[in-house]
Amino acid sequence: MPELKATPQTSLRLRLLIGTLFWIVASIIAAGWGLGSLFRQHVTQQFHNELQTHLDQLTAHLTLDAAGQPILSQALSDPRLRRPYSGLYWQIDRIAADTAPANAAVLRSRSLWDQTLRIPQDSLADGAIHLHRVAGPEGATLSMLERSVQLDGVSLRLAIAADEKLLIEPIERFNTALWLALSVVFASLAVG
């Protein structure tokens, strides 16, 4: 039986094919990582901007009644805040003062139902905003924005929180569709 010998032309073609496939794979991986990262940054920023908008709205509608208790002049606009365990929550705590003790959850969203948020006890300058990750209802992990305000001598801590699933799920769906599309592109280029 005759022995098959690799000719210089066959060897060159094989090396070109391997090199081309390598660069296609490297380009597809770089594109997938870059696009996934950009989308994650965009969705995360949008998620935090939405929390900021809810916190600003909560602050704008906050007032005190005749007894000095915090109340909202009108309900917040997002209907999820009225649906129990919807994944979007707000809460107002009274911060301890010289004459009054601290009081957690003096006012909270209906979405919390019978739960309260455990807001980390850190020191906030008036109007400063902090971001936290906390445990929420039904074992959910929440991203929380908090701000302290002074209203007619009463110190209050306002918090708005959302289930991180609202952030993670769109990213996972996008990444699944992205890698599926890039696999089709790779297959097309490899066949070509």
Protein backbone atom coordinates (compact mmCIF):
# COMPACT_ATOMS: atom_id res chain seq x y z
CA MET A 1 0.00 0.00 0.00
CA PRO A 2 1.43 3.39 -0.95
CA GLU A 3 2.34 5.72 1.89
CA LEU A 4 0.54 9.10 2.03
CA LYS A 5 2.93 11.97 2.20
CA ALA A 6 2.06 15.48 3.24
CA THR A 7 2.96 17.81 0.43
CA PRO A 8 3.99 21.38 1.16
CA GLN A 9 0.66 22.55 -0.32
CA THR A 10 -1.41 20.28 1.95
CA SER A 11 0.60 21.36 5.00
CA LEU A 12 0.17 25.05 4.14
CA ARG A 13 -3.60 24.63 3.63
CA LEU A 14 -3.94 22.83 6.95
CA ARG A 15 -2.00 25.54 8.79
CA LEU A 16 -4.09 28.27 7.15
CA LEU A 17 -7.32 26.47 8.10
CA ILE A 18 -6.21 26.01 11.73
CA GLY A 19 -5.04 29.64 11.95
CA THR A 20 -8.31 30.92 10.46
CA LEU A 21 -10.43 28.82 12.83
CA PHE A 22 -8.33 29.99 15.78
CA TRP A 23 -8.85 33.68 14.91
CA ILE A 24 -12.56 33.15 14.28
CA VAL A 25 -12.96 31.51 17.70
CA ALA A 26 -10.87 34.21 19.40
CA SER A 27 -12.90 36.97 17.70
CA ILE A 28 -16.23 35.36 18.59
CA ILE A 29 -15.20 34.95 22.25
CA ALA A 30 -13.92 38.55 22.46
CA ALA A 31 -17.10 39.88 20.84
CA GLY A 32 -19.33 37.82 23.13
CA TRP A 33 -17.46 38.87 26.26
CA GLY A 34 -17.42 42.54 25.21
CA LEU A 35 -21.08 42.72 24.21
CA GLY A 36 -22.17 40.80 27.33
CA SER A 37 -20.15 43.14 29.53
CA LEU A 38 -21.56 46.27 27.86
CA PHE A 39 -25.11 44.98 28.22
CA ARG A 40 -24.55 44.06 31.90
CA GLN A 41 -23.20 47.57 32.61
CA HIS A 42 -26.14 49.19 30.80
CA VAL A 43 -28.80 47.11 32.58
CA THR A 44 -27.13 47.58 35.98
CA GLN A 45 -27.00 51.36 35.49
CA GLN A 46 -30.64 51.40 34.38
CA PHE A 47 -31.62 49.28 37.43
CA HIS A 48 -29.89 51.68 39.84
CA ASN A 49 -31.33 54.72 38.03
CA GLU A 50 -34.82 53.27 38.49
CA LEU A 51 -34.16 52.77 42.22
CA GLN A 52 -32.91 56.37 42.41
CA THR A 53 -36.09 57.61 40.70
CA HIS A 54 -38.27 55.72 43.20
CA LEU A 55 -36.20 57.06 46.11
CA ASP A 56 -36.53 60.62 44.79
CA GLN A 57 -40.29 60.15 44.42
CA LEU A 58 -40.54 58.75 47.96
CA THR A 59 -38.60 61.74 49.28
CA ALA A 60 -40.74 64.23 47.35
CA HIS A 61 -44.04 62.79 48.67
CA LEU A 62 -42.88 62.50 52.29
CA THR A 63 -44.46 64.80 54.85
CA LEU A 64 -45.41 64.74 58.54
CA ASP A 65 -48.94 64.65 59.94
CA ALA A 66 -50.13 66.77 62.88
CA ALA A 67 -48.73 64.19 65.34
CA GLY A 68 -45.29 64.31 63.71
CA GLN A 69 -45.65 60.89 62.06
CA PRO A 70 -44.36 60.42 58.51
CA ILE A 71 -47.00 60.05 55.80
CA LEU A 72 -46.98 60.21 52.02
CA SER A 73 -48.89 63.05 50.38
CA GLN A 74 -49.69 60.66 47.52
CA ALA A 75 -48.93 57.07 46.57
CA LEU A 76 -45.84 56.24 44.55
CA SER A 77 -46.53 55.63 40.87
CA ASP A 78 -45.25 52.07 40.41
CA PRO A 79 -48.10 49.54 40.94
CA ARG A 80 -45.60 46.87 42.06
CA LEU A 81 -45.27 48.81 45.34
CA ARG A 82 -48.88 47.89 46.14
CA ARG A 83 -48.66 44.17 45.22
CA PRO A 84 -47.42 41.88 48.05
CA TYR A 85 -43.94 40.43 47.48
CA SER A 86 -43.66 41.98 44.02
CA GLY A 87 -39.90 42.47 44.27
CA LEU A 88 -40.02 46.27 44.71
CA TYR A 89 -40.23 47.72 48.22
CA TRP A 90 -39.86 50.92 50.24
CA GLN A 91 -39.61 51.63 53.94
CA ILE A 92 -39.14 54.63 56.23
CA ASP A 93 -37.40 54.34 59.62
CA ARG A 94 -37.16 56.98 62.31
CA ILE A 95 -33.55 57.64 63.32
CA ALA A 96 -32.89 57.99 67.04
CA ALA A 97 -32.61 61.54 68.34
CA ASP A 98 -31.92 63.02 71.78
CA THR A 99 -35.61 63.02 72.66
CA ALA A 100 -36.97 60.13 70.58
CA PRO A 101 -35.83 56.52 70.18
CA ALA A 102 -35.22 54.88 66.83
CA ASN A 103 -38.23 53.20 65.27
CA ALA A 104 -37.91 50.79 62.37
CA ALA A 105 -40.54 50.69 59.65
CA VAL A 106 -42.74 53.55 60.81
CA LEU A 107 -44.07 53.47 57.25
CA ARG A 108 -43.60 50.88 54.51
CA SER A 109 -44.94 49.77 51.16
CA ARG A 110 -47.82 47.34 50.88
CA SER A 111 -45.51 45.13 48.82
CA LEU A 112 -43.60 44.26 52.01
CA TRP A 113 -46.84 42.83 53.43
CA ASP A 114 -45.92 41.68 56.98
CA GLN A 115 -42.14 41.96 56.49
CA THR A 116 -39.70 44.78 57.20
CA LEU A 117 -36.38 45.59 55.57
CA ARG A 118 -33.29 45.34 57.75
CA ILE A 119 -31.50 48.50 56.80
CA PRO A 120 -27.80 48.48 57.77
CA GLN A 121 -27.16 50.97 60.54
CA ASP A 122 -24.55 53.20 59.00
CA SER A 123 -24.10 56.93 59.40
CA LEU A 124 -25.53 58.97 56.56
CA ALA A 125 -25.04 62.66 56.00
CA ASP A 126 -28.36 64.41 55.38
CA GLY A 127 -29.34 63.67 51.78
CA ALA A 128 -26.44 61.27 51.15
CA ILE A 129 -27.29 58.02 49.37
CA HIS A 130 -25.85 54.58 50.15
CA LEU A 131 -26.21 51.34 48.20
CA HIS A 132 -26.54 48.02 50.05
CA ARG A 133 -27.29 44.36 49.34
CA VAL A 134 -29.71 42.99 51.92
CA ALA A 135 -31.94 39.99 52.52
CA GLY A 136 -35.55 40.52 51.54
CA PRO A 137 -38.90 38.78 51.72
CA GLU A 138 -39.05 35.13 50.73
CA GLY A 139 -35.24 34.77 50.84
CA ALA A 140 -34.64 37.21 47.97
CA THR A 141 -31.45 39.25 47.71
CA LEU A 142 -32.24 42.92 47.31
CA SER A 143 -30.31 45.92 46.07
CA MET A 144 -31.21 48.82 48.33
CA LEU A 145 -30.70 52.57 48.12
CA GLU A 146 -31.09 54.54 51.34
CA ARG A 147 -31.08 58.23 52.17
CA SER A 148 -31.54 60.16 55.40
CA VAL A 149 -33.62 63.32 55.58
CA GLN A 150 -34.55 65.86 58.24
CA LEU A 151 -38.18 66.92 58.22
CA ASP A 152 -39.25 69.52 60.81
CA GLY A 153 -36.58 68.26 63.20
CA VAL A 154 -37.46 64.58 62.68
CA SER A 155 -34.64 62.40 61.30
CA LEU A 156 -35.81 59.72 58.91
CA ARG A 157 -34.09 57.02 56.88
CA LEU A 158 -35.76 56.26 53.54
CA ALA A 159 -35.04 53.02 51.69
CA ILE A 160 -36.09 51.64 48.34
CA ALA A 161 -35.14 48.07 47.40
CA ALA A 162 -35.62 45.74 44.46
CA ASP A 163 -35.10 42.02 44.00
CA GLU A 164 -31.83 41.41 42.15
CA LYS A 165 -33.66 38.86 39.98
CA LEU A 166 -35.09 41.89 38.17
CA LEU A 167 -31.48 42.67 37.19
CA ILE A 168 -30.06 39.17 36.71
CA GLU A 169 -32.82 37.60 34.59
CA PRO A 170 -32.61 40.02 31.61
CA ILE A 171 -28.82 39.68 31.58
CA GLU A 172 -29.06 35.88 31.53
CA ARG A 173 -31.65 35.94 28.71
CA PHE A 174 -29.48 38.32 26.68
CA ASN A 175 -26.34 36.22 27.20
CA THR A 176 -28.17 33.05 26.13
CA ALA A 177 -29.41 34.72 22.92
CA LEU A 178 -26.01 36.34 22.31
CA TRP A 179 -24.03 33.09 22.56
CA LEU A 180 -26.58 31.27 20.41
CA ALA A 181 -26.27 33.95 17.71
CA LEU A 182 -22.47 33.94 17.93
CA SER A 183 -22.46 30.13 17.60
CA VAL A 184 -24.43 30.47 14.36
CA VAL A 185 -21.95 33.11 13.14
CA PHE A 186 -19.04 30.82 14.03
CA ALA A 187 -20.61 27.87 12.23
CA SER A 188 -21.24 29.99 9.14
CA LEU A 189 -17.68 31.34 9.08
CA ALA A 190 -16.16 27.93 9.72
CA VAL A 191 -18.13 26.36 6.87
CA GLY A 192 -17.17 29.29 4.62
